[in-house]
């Protein structure tokens, strides 16, 4: 990912599990990251 100000993000190959309820969980190469999407009274909500 190329960003402004000469920033660049490089990610290693990864594996993610997607739950129908709206969560994405990192499985490989490491664990410890979860992304959850939901619809609430306040609108769309994303939690990392």
ModelCIF file with pLDDT and N, C-alpha, C, O atoms, coordinates in Angstrom:
data_MODEL
#
_entry.id   MODEL 
#
_entity.id                         1 
_entity.type                       polymer 
_entity.pdbx_number_of_molecules   1 
#
_entity_poly.entity_id                      1 
_entity_poly.type                           'polypeptide(L)' 
_entity_poly.nstd_linkage                   no 
_entity_poly.nstd_monomer                   no 
_entity_poly.pdbx_seq_one_letter_code       
;(UNK)(UNK)(UNK)(UNK)(UNK)(UNK)(UNK)(UNK)(UNK)(UNK)(UNK)(UNK)(UNK)(UNK)(UNK)(UNK)
(UNK)(UNK)(UNK)(UNK)(UNK)(UNK)(UNK)(UNK)(UNK)(UNK)(UNK)(UNK)(UNK)(UNK)(UNK)(UNK)
(UNK)(UNK)(UNK)(UNK)(UNK)(UNK)(UNK)(UNK)(UNK)(UNK)(UNK)(UNK)(UNK)(UNK)(UNK)(UNK)
;
_entity_poly.pdbx_seq_one_letter_code_can   XXXXXXXXXXXXXXXXXXXXXXXXXXXXXXXXXXXXXXXXXXXXXXXX 
_entity_poly.pdbx_strand_id                 A 
#
loop_
_entity_poly_seq.entity_id 
_entity_poly_seq.num 
_entity_poly_seq.mon_id 
_entity_poly_seq.hetero 
1 1  UNK n 
1 2  UNK n 
1 3  UNK n 
1 4  UNK n 
1 5  UNK n 
1 6  UNK n 
1 7  UNK n 
1 8  UNK n 
1 9  UNK n 
1 10 UNK n 
1 11 UNK n 
1 12 UNK n 
1 13 UNK n 
1 14 UNK n 
1 15 UNK n 
1 16 UNK n 
1 17 UNK n 
1 18 UNK n 
1 19 UNK n 
1 20 UNK n 
1 21 UNK n 
1 22 UNK n 
1 23 UNK n 
1 24 UNK n 
1 25 UNK n 
1 26 UNK n 
1 27 UNK n 
1 28 UNK n 
1 29 UNK n 
1 30 UNK n 
1 31 UNK n 
1 32 UNK n 
1 33 UNK n 
1 34 UNK n 
1 35 UNK n 
1 36 UNK n 
1 37 UNK n 
1 38 UNK n 
1 39 UNK n 
1 40 UNK n 
1 41 UNK n 
1 42 UNK n 
1 43 UNK n 
1 44 UNK n 
1 45 UNK n 
1 46 UNK n 
1 47 UNK n 
1 48 UNK n 
#
_struct_asym.id          A 
_struct_asym.entity_id   1 
#
loop_
_ma_qa_metric.id 
_ma_qa_metric.mode 
_ma_qa_metric.name 
_ma_qa_metric.software_group_id 
_ma_qa_metric.type 
1 global pLDDT . pLDDT 
2 local  pLDDT . pLDDT 
#
_ma_qa_metric_global.metric_id      1 
_ma_qa_metric_global.metric_value   86.67 
_ma_qa_metric_global.model_id       1 
_ma_qa_metric_global.ordinal_id     1 
#
loop_
_ma_qa_metric_local.label_asym_id 
_ma_qa_metric_local.label_comp_id 
_ma_qa_metric_local.label_seq_id 
_ma_qa_metric_local.metric_id 
_ma_qa_metric_local.metric_value 
_ma_qa_metric_local.model_id 
_ma_qa_metric_local.ordinal_id 
A UNK 1  2 92.00 1 1  
A UNK 2  2 89.00 1 2  
A UNK 3  2 81.00 1 3  
A UNK 4  2 75.00 1 4  
A UNK 5  2 66.00 1 5  
A UNK 6  2 72.00 1 6  
A UNK 7  2 79.00 1 7  
A UNK 8  2 89.00 1 8  
A UNK 9  2 90.00 1 9  
A UNK 10 2 92.00 1 10 
A UNK 11 2 92.00 1 11 
A UNK 12 2 93.00 1 12 
A UNK 13 2 95.00 1 13 
A UNK 14 2 94.00 1 14 
A UNK 15 2 93.00 1 15 
A UNK 16 2 92.00 1 16 
A UNK 17 2 90.00 1 17 
A UNK 18 2 87.00 1 18 
A UNK 19 2 82.00 1 19 
A UNK 20 2 73.00 1 20 
A UNK 21 2 75.00 1 21 
A UNK 22 2 78.00 1 22 
A UNK 23 2 88.00 1 23 
A UNK 24 2 91.00 1 24 
A UNK 25 2 92.00 1 25 
A UNK 26 2 93.00 1 26 
A UNK 27 2 93.00 1 27 
A UNK 28 2 93.00 1 28 
A UNK 29 2 93.00 1 29 
A UNK 30 2 92.00 1 30 
A UNK 31 2 92.00 1 31 
A UNK 32 2 92.00 1 32 
A UNK 33 2 92.00 1 33 
A UNK 34 2 93.00 1 34 
A UNK 35 2 92.00 1 35 
A UNK 36 2 91.00 1 36 
A UNK 37 2 87.00 1 37 
A UNK 38 2 85.00 1 38 
A UNK 39 2 82.00 1 39 
A UNK 40 2 77.00 1 40 
A UNK 41 2 75.00 1 41 
A UNK 42 2 71.00 1 42 
A UNK 43 2 79.00 1 43 
A UNK 44 2 85.00 1 44 
A UNK 45 2 89.00 1 45 
A UNK 46 2 90.00 1 46 
A UNK 47 2 92.00 1 47 
A UNK 48 2 92.00 1 48 
#
loop_
_atom_site.group_PDB 
_atom_site.id 
_atom_site.type_symbol 
_atom_site.label_atom_id 
_atom_site.label_alt_id 
_atom_site.label_comp_id 
_atom_site.label_asym_id 
_atom_site.label_entity_id 
_atom_site.label_seq_id 
_atom_site.pdbx_PDB_ins_code 
_atom_site.Cartn_x 
_atom_site.Cartn_y 
_atom_site.Cartn_z 
_atom_site.occupancy 
_atom_site.B_iso_or_equiv 
_atom_site.pdbx_formal_charge 
_atom_site.auth_seq_id 
_atom_site.auth_comp_id 
_atom_site.auth_asym_id 
_atom_site.auth_atom_id 
_atom_site.pdbx_PDB_model_num 
ATOM 1   N N  . UNK A 1 1  ? 0.852   -1.186  0.000  1.00 92.00 ? 1  UNK A N  1 
ATOM 2   C CA . UNK A 1 1  ? 0.000   0.000   0.000  1.00 92.00 ? 1  UNK A CA 1 
ATOM 3   C C  . UNK A 1 1  ? 0.888   1.236   0.000  1.00 92.00 ? 1  UNK A C  1 
ATOM 4   O O  . UNK A 1 1  ? 1.678   1.434   0.923  1.00 92.00 ? 1  UNK A O  1 
ATOM 5   N N  . UNK A 1 2  ? 0.765   2.063   -1.024 1.00 89.00 ? 2  UNK A N  1 
ATOM 6   C CA . UNK A 1 2  ? 1.541   3.300   -1.133 1.00 89.00 ? 2  UNK A CA 1 
ATOM 7   C C  . UNK A 1 2  ? 0.715   4.450   -0.592 1.00 89.00 ? 2  UNK A C  1 
ATOM 8   O O  . UNK A 1 2  ? -0.412  4.676   -1.034 1.00 89.00 ? 2  UNK A O  1 
ATOM 9   N N  . UNK A 1 3  ? 1.280   5.187   0.380  1.00 81.00 ? 3  UNK A N  1 
ATOM 10  C CA . UNK A 1 3  ? 0.599   6.297   1.038  1.00 81.00 ? 3  UNK A CA 1 
ATOM 11  C C  . UNK A 1 3  ? 1.344   7.597   0.756  1.00 81.00 ? 3  UNK A C  1 
ATOM 12  O O  . UNK A 1 3  ? 2.472   7.566   0.264  1.00 81.00 ? 3  UNK A O  1 
ATOM 13  N N  . UNK A 1 4  ? 0.725   8.747   1.061  1.00 75.00 ? 4  UNK A N  1 
ATOM 14  C CA . UNK A 1 4  ? 1.432   10.022  0.882  1.00 75.00 ? 4  UNK A CA 1 
ATOM 15  C C  . UNK A 1 4  ? 2.668   10.106  1.782  1.00 75.00 ? 4  UNK A C  1 
ATOM 16  O O  . UNK A 1 4  ? 2.840   9.302   2.698  1.00 75.00 ? 4  UNK A O  1 
ATOM 17  N N  . UNK A 1 5  ? 3.520   11.089  1.506  1.00 66.00 ? 5  UNK A N  1 
ATOM 18  C CA . UNK A 1 5  ? 4.716   11.379  2.305  1.00 66.00 ? 5  UNK A CA 1 
ATOM 19  C C  . UNK A 1 5  ? 5.698   10.213  2.311  1.00 66.00 ? 5  UNK A C  1 
ATOM 20  O O  . UNK A 1 5  ? 6.351   9.952   3.322  1.00 66.00 ? 5  UNK A O  1 
ATOM 21  N N  . UNK A 1 6  ? 5.804   9.508   1.174  1.00 72.00 ? 6  UNK A N  1 
ATOM 22  C CA . UNK A 1 6  ? 6.768   8.413   1.032  1.00 72.00 ? 6  UNK A CA 1 
ATOM 23  C C  . UNK A 1 6  ? 6.555   7.305   2.048  1.00 72.00 ? 6  UNK A C  1 
ATOM 24  O O  . UNK A 1 6  ? 7.508   6.645   2.461  1.00 72.00 ? 6  UNK A O  1 
ATOM 25  N N  . UNK A 1 7  ? 5.308   7.097   2.452  1.00 79.00 ? 7  UNK A N  1 
ATOM 26  C CA . UNK A 1 7  ? 4.955   5.966   3.302  1.00 79.00 ? 7  UNK A CA 1 
ATOM 27  C C  . UNK A 1 7  ? 4.542   4.791   2.428  1.00 79.00 ? 7  UNK A C  1 
ATOM 28  O O  . UNK A 1 7  ? 3.960   4.972   1.359  1.00 79.00 ? 7  UNK A O  1 
ATOM 29  N N  . UNK A 1 8  ? 4.850   3.584   2.894  1.00 89.00 ? 8  UNK A N  1 
ATOM 30  C CA . UNK A 1 8  ? 4.383   2.378   2.221  1.00 89.00 ? 8  UNK A CA 1 
ATOM 31  C C  . UNK A 1 8  ? 4.165   1.288   3.262  1.00 89.00 ? 8  UNK A C  1 
ATOM 32  O O  . UNK A 1 8  ? 4.979   1.106   4.167  1.00 89.00 ? 8  UNK A O  1 
ATOM 33  N N  . UNK A 1 9  ? 3.060   0.571   3.123  1.00 90.00 ? 9  UNK A N  1 
ATOM 34  C CA . UNK A 1 9  ? 2.775   -0.557  3.992  1.00 90.00 ? 9  UNK A CA 1 
ATOM 35  C C  . UNK A 1 9  ? 3.022   -1.847  3.218  1.00 90.00 ? 9  UNK A C  1 
ATOM 36  O O  . UNK A 1 9  ? 2.574   -1.997  2.081  1.00 90.00 ? 9  UNK A O  1 
ATOM 37  N N  . UNK A 1 10 ? 3.738   -2.773  3.847  1.00 92.00 ? 10 UNK A N  1 
ATOM 38  C CA . UNK A 1 10 ? 3.977   -4.072  3.253  1.00 92.00 ? 10 UNK A CA 1 
ATOM 39  C C  . UNK A 1 10 ? 3.448   -5.134  4.209  1.00 92.00 ? 10 UNK A C  1 
ATOM 40  O O  . UNK A 1 10 ? 3.822   -5.157  5.382  1.00 92.00 ? 10 UNK A O  1 
ATOM 41  N N  . UNK A 1 11 ? 2.584   -6.011  3.715  1.00 92.00 ? 11 UNK A N  1 
ATOM 42  C CA . UNK A 1 11 ? 2.050   -7.074  4.563  1.00 92.00 ? 11 UNK A CA 1 
ATOM 43  C C  . UNK A 1 11 ? 2.479   -8.428  4.023  1.00 92.00 ? 11 UNK A C  1 
ATOM 44  O O  . UNK A 1 11 ? 2.574   -8.636  2.814  1.00 92.00 ? 11 UNK A O  1 
ATOM 45  N N  . UNK A 1 12 ? 2.736   -9.350  4.958  1.00 93.00 ? 12 UNK A N  1 
ATOM 46  C CA . UNK A 1 12 ? 3.083   -10.712 4.582  1.00 93.00 ? 12 UNK A CA 1 
ATOM 47  C C  . UNK A 1 12 ? 1.807   -11.474 4.226  1.00 93.00 ? 12 UNK A C  1 
ATOM 48  O O  . UNK A 1 12 ? 0.715   -11.022 4.567  1.00 93.00 ? 12 UNK A O  1 
ATOM 49  N N  . UNK A 1 13 ? 1.917   -12.611 3.552  1.00 95.00 ? 13 UNK A N  1 
ATOM 50  C CA . UNK A 1 13 ? 0.727   -13.425 3.282  1.00 95.00 ? 13 UNK A CA 1 
ATOM 51  C C  . UNK A 1 13 ? -0.025  -13.738 4.578  1.00 95.00 ? 13 UNK A C  1 
ATOM 52  O O  . UNK A 1 13 ? 0.590   -14.036 5.602  1.00 95.00 ? 13 UNK A O  1 
ATOM 53  N N  . UNK A 1 14 ? -1.340  -13.669 4.526  1.00 94.00 ? 14 UNK A N  1 
ATOM 54  C CA . UNK A 1 14 ? -2.144  -13.856 5.736  1.00 94.00 ? 14 UNK A CA 1 
ATOM 55  C C  . UNK A 1 14 ? -3.403  -14.647 5.413  1.00 94.00 ? 14 UNK A C  1 
ATOM 56  O O  . UNK A 1 14 ? -3.831  -14.721 4.261  1.00 94.00 ? 14 UNK A O  1 
ATOM 57  N N  . UNK A 1 15 ? -3.988  -15.239 6.456  1.00 93.00 ? 15 UNK A N  1 
ATOM 58  C CA . UNK A 1 15 ? -5.223  -16.017 6.337  1.00 93.00 ? 15 UNK A CA 1 
ATOM 59  C C  . UNK A 1 15 ? -6.221  -15.462 7.347  1.00 93.00 ? 15 UNK A C  1 
ATOM 60  O O  . UNK A 1 15 ? -5.881  -15.232 8.508  1.00 93.00 ? 15 UNK A O  1 
ATOM 61  N N  . UNK A 1 16 ? -7.468  -15.248 6.889  1.00 92.00 ? 16 UNK A N  1 
ATOM 62  C CA . UNK A 1 16 ? -8.502  -14.660 7.721  1.00 92.00 ? 16 UNK A CA 1 
ATOM 63  C C  . UNK A 1 16 ? -9.760  -15.522 7.680  1.00 92.00 ? 16 UNK A C  1 
ATOM 64  O O  . UNK A 1 16 ? -10.115 -16.061 6.631  1.00 92.00 ? 16 UNK A O  1 
ATOM 65  N N  . UNK A 1 17 ? -10.436 -15.651 8.825  1.00 90.00 ? 17 UNK A N  1 
ATOM 66  C CA . UNK A 1 17 ? -11.737 -16.313 8.890  1.00 90.00 ? 17 UNK A CA 1 
ATOM 67  C C  . UNK A 1 17 ? -12.828 -15.260 8.970  1.00 90.00 ? 17 UNK A C  1 
ATOM 68  O O  . UNK A 1 17 ? -12.735 -14.309 9.746  1.00 90.00 ? 17 UNK A O  1 
ATOM 69  N N  . UNK A 1 18 ? -13.872 -15.441 8.153  1.00 87.00 ? 18 UNK A N  1 
ATOM 70  C CA . UNK A 1 18 ? -14.987 -14.498 8.124  1.00 87.00 ? 18 UNK A CA 1 
ATOM 71  C C  . UNK A 1 18 ? -16.223 -15.170 8.690  1.00 87.00 ? 18 UNK A C  1 
ATOM 72  O O  . UNK A 1 18 ? -16.655 -16.222 8.218  1.00 87.00 ? 18 UNK A O  1 
ATOM 73  N N  . UNK A 1 19 ? -16.780 -14.539 9.711  1.00 82.00 ? 19 UNK A N  1 
ATOM 74  C CA . UNK A 1 19 ? -17.979 -15.070 10.355 1.00 82.00 ? 19 UNK A CA 1 
ATOM 75  C C  . UNK A 1 19 ? -19.207 -14.391 9.739  1.00 82.00 ? 19 UNK A C  1 
ATOM 76  O O  . UNK A 1 19 ? -19.179 -13.184 9.502  1.00 82.00 ? 19 UNK A O  1 
ATOM 77  N N  . UNK A 1 20 ? -20.286 -15.142 9.476  1.00 73.00 ? 20 UNK A N  1 
ATOM 78  C CA . UNK A 1 20 ? -21.494 -14.515 8.915  1.00 73.00 ? 20 UNK A CA 1 
ATOM 79  C C  . UNK A 1 20 ? -22.036 -13.389 9.774  1.00 73.00 ? 20 UNK A C  1 
ATOM 80  O O  . UNK A 1 20 ? -22.725 -12.500 9.275  1.00 73.00 ? 20 UNK A O  1 
ATOM 81  N N  . UNK A 1 21 ? -21.726 -13.421 11.076 1.00 75.00 ? 21 UNK A N  1 
ATOM 82  C CA . UNK A 1 21 ? -22.224 -12.366 11.972 1.00 75.00 ? 21 UNK A CA 1 
ATOM 83  C C  . UNK A 1 21 ? -21.520 -11.040 11.734 1.00 75.00 ? 21 UNK A C  1 
ATOM 84  O O  . UNK A 1 21 ? -21.985 -10.004 12.209 1.00 75.00 ? 21 UNK A O  1 
ATOM 85  N N  . UNK A 1 22 ? -20.395 -11.052 11.001 1.00 78.00 ? 22 UNK A N  1 
ATOM 86  C CA . UNK A 1 22 ? -19.739 -9.795  10.667 1.00 78.00 ? 22 UNK A CA 1 
ATOM 87  C C  . UNK A 1 22 ? -18.370 -9.599  11.264 1.00 78.00 ? 22 UNK A C  1 
ATOM 88  O O  . UNK A 1 22 ? -17.915 -8.459  11.363 1.00 78.00 ? 22 UNK A O  1 
ATOM 89  N N  . UNK A 1 23 ? -17.689 -10.656 11.668 1.00 88.00 ? 23 UNK A N  1 
ATOM 90  C CA . UNK A 1 23 ? -16.357 -10.502 12.233 1.00 88.00 ? 23 UNK A CA 1 
ATOM 91  C C  . UNK A 1 23 ? -15.318 -11.144 11.310 1.00 88.00 ? 23 UNK A C  1 
ATOM 92  O O  . UNK A 1 23 ? -15.591 -12.146 10.650 1.00 88.00 ? 23 UNK A O  1 
ATOM 93  N N  . UNK A 1 24 ? -14.139 -10.553 11.278 1.00 91.00 ? 24 UNK A N  1 
ATOM 94  C CA . UNK A 1 24 ? -13.006 -11.071 10.514 1.00 91.00 ? 24 UNK A CA 1 
ATOM 95  C C  . UNK A 1 24 ? -11.874 -11.294 11.501 1.00 91.00 ? 24 UNK A C  1 
ATOM 96  O O  . UNK A 1 24 ? -11.477 -10.369 12.210 1.00 91.00 ? 24 UNK A O  1 
ATOM 97  N N  . UNK A 1 25 ? -11.350 -12.515 11.554 1.00 92.00 ? 25 UNK A N  1 
ATOM 98  C CA . UNK A 1 25 ? -10.336 -12.879 12.538 1.00 92.00 ? 25 UNK A CA 1 
ATOM 99  C C  . UNK A 1 25 ? -9.069  -13.312 11.814 1.00 92.00 ? 25 UNK A C  1 
ATOM 100 O O  . UNK A 1 25 ? -9.113  -14.152 10.915 1.00 92.00 ? 25 UNK A O  1 
ATOM 101 N N  . UNK A 1 26 ? -7.937  -12.731 12.214 1.00 93.00 ? 26 UNK A N  1 
ATOM 102 C CA . UNK A 1 26 ? -6.648  -13.110 11.640 1.00 93.00 ? 26 UNK A CA 1 
ATOM 103 C C  . UNK A 1 26 ? -6.218  -14.462 12.199 1.00 93.00 ? 26 UNK A C  1 
ATOM 104 O O  . UNK A 1 26 ? -6.164  -14.652 13.414 1.00 93.00 ? 26 UNK A O  1 
ATOM 105 N N  . UNK A 1 27 ? -5.912  -15.400 11.303 1.00 93.00 ? 27 UNK A N  1 
ATOM 106 C CA . UNK A 1 27 ? -5.518  -16.752 11.698 1.00 93.00 ? 27 UNK A CA 1 
ATOM 107 C C  . UNK A 1 27 ? -4.020  -16.982 11.516 1.00 93.00 ? 27 UNK A C  1 
ATOM 108 O O  . UNK A 1 27 ? -3.396  -17.652 12.339 1.00 93.00 ? 27 UNK A O  1 
ATOM 109 N N  . UNK A 1 28 ? -3.441  -16.439 10.454 1.00 93.00 ? 28 UNK A N  1 
ATOM 110 C CA . UNK A 1 28 ? -2.038  -16.662 10.123 1.00 93.00 ? 28 UNK A CA 1 
ATOM 111 C C  . UNK A 1 28 ? -1.520  -15.422 9.393  1.00 93.00 ? 28 UNK A C  1 
ATOM 112 O O  . UNK A 1 28 ? -2.291  -14.769 8.689  1.00 93.00 ? 28 UNK A O  1 
ATOM 113 N N  . UNK A 1 29 ? -0.230  -15.076 9.540  1.00 93.00 ? 29 UNK A N  1 
ATOM 114 C CA . UNK A 1 29 ? 0.877   -15.810 10.165 1.00 93.00 ? 29 UNK A CA 1 
ATOM 115 C C  . UNK A 1 29 ? 0.929   -15.682 11.693 1.00 93.00 ? 29 UNK A C  1 
ATOM 116 O O  . UNK A 1 29 ? 1.681   -16.398 12.354 1.00 93.00 ? 29 UNK A O  1 
ATOM 117 N N  . UNK A 1 30 ? 0.128   -14.772 12.245 1.00 92.00 ? 30 UNK A N  1 
ATOM 118 C CA . UNK A 1 30 ? 0.039   -14.615 13.694 1.00 92.00 ? 30 UNK A CA 1 
ATOM 119 C C  . UNK A 1 30 ? -1.430  -14.426 14.042 1.00 92.00 ? 30 UNK A C  1 
ATOM 120 O O  . UNK A 1 30 ? -2.272  -14.251 13.161 1.00 92.00 ? 30 UNK A O  1 
ATOM 121 N N  . UNK A 1 31 ? -1.725  -14.462 15.324 1.00 92.00 ? 31 UNK A N  1 
ATOM 122 C CA . UNK A 1 31 ? -3.078  -14.196 15.777 1.00 92.00 ? 31 UNK A CA 1 
ATOM 123 C C  . UNK A 1 31 ? -3.074  -12.983 16.696 1.00 92.00 ? 31 UNK A C  1 
ATOM 124 O O  . UNK A 1 31 ? -2.025  -12.552 17.173 1.00 92.00 ? 31 UNK A O  1 
ATOM 125 N N  . UNK A 1 32 ? -4.253  -12.447 16.933 1.00 92.00 ? 32 UNK A N  1 
ATOM 126 C CA . UNK A 1 32 ? -4.334  -11.296 17.823 1.00 92.00 ? 32 UNK A CA 1 
ATOM 127 C C  . UNK A 1 32 ? -5.006  -10.095 17.210 1.00 92.00 ? 32 UNK A C  1 
ATOM 128 O O  . UNK A 1 32 ? -4.926  -9.001  17.769 1.00 92.00 ? 32 UNK A O  1 
ATOM 129 N N  . UNK A 1 33 ? -5.682  -10.261 16.052 1.00 92.00 ? 33 UNK A N  1 
ATOM 130 C CA . UNK A 1 33 ? -6.353  -9.131  15.401 1.00 92.00 ? 33 UNK A CA 1 
ATOM 131 C C  . UNK A 1 33 ? -7.746  -9.557  14.977 1.00 92.00 ? 33 UNK A C  1 
ATOM 132 O O  . UNK A 1 33 ? -7.918  -10.573 14.303 1.00 92.00 ? 33 UNK A O  1 
ATOM 133 N N  . UNK A 1 34 ? -8.749  -8.767  15.381 1.00 93.00 ? 34 UNK A N  1 
ATOM 134 C CA . UNK A 1 34 ? -10.140 -9.034  15.039 1.00 93.00 ? 34 UNK A CA 1 
ATOM 135 C C  . UNK A 1 34 ? -10.800 -7.753  14.552 1.00 93.00 ? 34 UNK A C  1 
ATOM 136 O O  . UNK A 1 34 ? -10.654 -6.694  15.162 1.00 93.00 ? 34 UNK A O  1 
ATOM 137 N N  . UNK A 1 35 ? -11.526 -7.864  13.450 1.00 92.00 ? 35 UNK A N  1 
ATOM 138 C CA . UNK A 1 35 ? -12.292 -6.739  12.913 1.00 92.00 ? 35 UNK A CA 1 
ATOM 139 C C  . UNK A 1 35 ? -13.763 -7.137  12.929 1.00 92.00 ? 35 UNK A C  1 
ATOM 140 O O  . UNK A 1 35 ? -14.140 -8.164  12.365 1.00 92.00 ? 35 UNK A O  1 
ATOM 141 N N  . UNK A 1 36 ? -14.598 -6.315  13.580 1.00 91.00 ? 36 UNK A N  1 
ATOM 142 C CA . UNK A 1 36 ? -16.021 -6.625  13.708 1.00 91.00 ? 36 UNK A CA 1 
ATOM 143 C C  . UNK A 1 36 ? -16.847 -5.497  13.108 1.00 91.00 ? 36 UNK A C  1 
ATOM 144 O O  . UNK A 1 36 ? -16.627 -4.323  13.407 1.00 91.00 ? 36 UNK A O  1 
ATOM 145 N N  . UNK A 1 37 ? -17.797 -5.865  12.260 1.00 87.00 ? 37 UNK A N  1 
ATOM 146 C CA . UNK A 1 37 ? -18.708 -4.882  11.659 1.00 87.00 ? 37 UNK A CA 1 
ATOM 147 C C  . UNK A 1 37 ? -20.123 -5.183  12.125 1.00 87.00 ? 37 UNK A C  1 
ATOM 148 O O  . UNK A 1 37 ? -20.540 -6.340  12.188 1.00 87.00 ? 37 UNK A O  1 
ATOM 149 N N  . UNK A 1 38 ? -20.855 -4.122  12.450 1.00 85.00 ? 38 UNK A N  1 
ATOM 150 C CA . UNK A 1 38 ? -22.226 -4.294  12.932 1.00 85.00 ? 38 UNK A CA 1 
ATOM 151 C C  . UNK A 1 38 ? -23.049 -3.066  12.568 1.00 85.00 ? 38 UNK A C  1 
ATOM 152 O O  . UNK A 1 38 ? -22.507 -1.996  12.293 1.00 85.00 ? 38 UNK A O  1 
ATOM 153 N N  . UNK A 1 39 ? -24.357 -3.240  12.572 1.00 82.00 ? 39 UNK A N  1 
ATOM 154 C CA . UNK A 1 39 ? -25.280 -2.139  12.340 1.00 82.00 ? 39 UNK A CA 1 
ATOM 155 C C  . UNK A 1 39 ? -26.048 -1.882  13.630 1.00 82.00 ? 39 UNK A C  1 
ATOM 156 O O  . UNK A 1 39 ? -26.735 -2.766  14.139 1.00 82.00 ? 39 UNK A O  1 
ATOM 157 N N  . UNK A 1 40 ? -25.925 -0.660  14.156 1.00 77.00 ? 40 UNK A N  1 
ATOM 158 C CA . UNK A 1 40 ? -26.577 -0.294  15.407 1.00 77.00 ? 40 UNK A CA 1 
ATOM 159 C C  . UNK A 1 40 ? -27.492 0.903   15.181 1.00 77.00 ? 40 UNK A C  1 
ATOM 160 O O  . UNK A 1 40 ? -27.660 1.373   14.056 1.00 77.00 ? 40 UNK A O  1 
ATOM 161 N N  . UNK A 1 41 ? -28.079 1.382   16.270 1.00 75.00 ? 41 UNK A N  1 
ATOM 162 C CA . UNK A 1 41 ? -28.941 2.563   16.174 1.00 75.00 ? 41 UNK A CA 1 
ATOM 163 C C  . UNK A 1 41 ? -28.167 3.804   15.774 1.00 75.00 ? 41 UNK A C  1 
ATOM 164 O O  . UNK A 1 41 ? -28.743 4.783   15.300 1.00 75.00 ? 41 UNK A O  1 
ATOM 165 N N  . UNK A 1 42 ? -26.843 3.757   15.970 1.00 71.00 ? 42 UNK A N  1 
ATOM 166 C CA . UNK A 1 42 ? -25.997 4.889   15.595 1.00 71.00 ? 42 UNK A CA 1 
ATOM 167 C C  . UNK A 1 42 ? -25.468 4.772   14.175 1.00 71.00 ? 42 UNK A C  1 
ATOM 168 O O  . UNK A 1 42 ? -24.700 5.626   13.731 1.00 71.00 ? 42 UNK A O  1 
ATOM 169 N N  . UNK A 1 43 ? -25.861 3.733   13.458 1.00 79.00 ? 43 UNK A N  1 
ATOM 170 C CA . UNK A 1 43 ? -25.394 3.541   12.095 1.00 79.00 ? 43 UNK A CA 1 
ATOM 171 C C  . UNK A 1 43 ? -24.461 2.350   12.006 1.00 79.00 ? 43 UNK A C  1 
ATOM 172 O O  . UNK A 1 43 ? -24.548 1.419   12.806 1.00 79.00 ? 43 UNK A O  1 
ATOM 173 N N  . UNK A 1 44 ? -23.584 2.384   11.047 1.00 85.00 ? 44 UNK A N  1 
ATOM 174 C CA . UNK A 1 44 ? -22.615 1.310   10.877 1.00 85.00 ? 44 UNK A CA 1 
ATOM 175 C C  . UNK A 1 44 ? -21.481 1.466   11.884 1.00 85.00 ? 44 UNK A C  1 
ATOM 176 O O  . UNK A 1 44 ? -21.019 2.575   12.152 1.00 85.00 ? 44 UNK A O  1 
ATOM 177 N N  . UNK A 1 45 ? -21.045 0.349   12.430 1.00 89.00 ? 45 UNK A N  1 
ATOM 178 C CA . UNK A 1 45 ? -19.994 0.384   13.440 1.00 89.00 ? 45 UNK A CA 1 
ATOM 179 C C  . UNK A 1 45 ? -18.928 -0.649  13.090 1.00 89.00 ? 45 UNK A C  1 
ATOM 180 O O  . UNK A 1 45 ? -19.239 -1.808  12.817 1.00 89.00 ? 45 UNK A O  1 
ATOM 181 N N  . UNK A 1 46 ? -17.665 -0.213  13.101 1.00 90.00 ? 46 UNK A N  1 
ATOM 182 C CA . UNK A 1 46 ? -16.532 -1.096  12.842 1.00 90.00 ? 46 UNK A CA 1 
ATOM 183 C C  . UNK A 1 46 ? -15.578 -1.004  14.030 1.00 90.00 ? 46 UNK A C  1 
ATOM 184 O O  . UNK A 1 46 ? -15.201 0.091   14.447 1.00 90.00 ? 46 UNK A O  1 
ATOM 185 N N  . UNK A 1 47 ? -15.196 -2.147  14.565 1.00 92.00 ? 47 UNK A N  1 
ATOM 186 C CA . UNK A 1 47 ? -14.281 -2.205  15.706 1.00 92.00 ? 47 UNK A CA 1 
ATOM 187 C C  . UNK A 1 47 ? -13.074 -3.057  15.351 1.00 92.00 ? 47 UNK A C  1 
ATOM 188 O O  . UNK A 1 47 ? -13.210 -4.172  14.848 1.00 92.00 ? 47 UNK A O  1 
ATOM 189 N N  . UNK A 1 48 ? -11.901 -2.524  15.617 1.00 92.00 ? 48 UNK A N  1 
ATOM 190 C CA . UNK A 1 48 ? -10.653 -3.249  15.382 1.00 92.00 ? 48 UNK A CA 1 
ATOM 191 C C  . UNK A 1 48 ? -9.984  -3.466  16.730 1.00 92.00 ? 48 UNK A C  1 
ATOM 192 O O  . UNK A 1 48 ? -8.908  -4.060  16.797 1.00 92.00 ? 48 UNK A O  1 
#
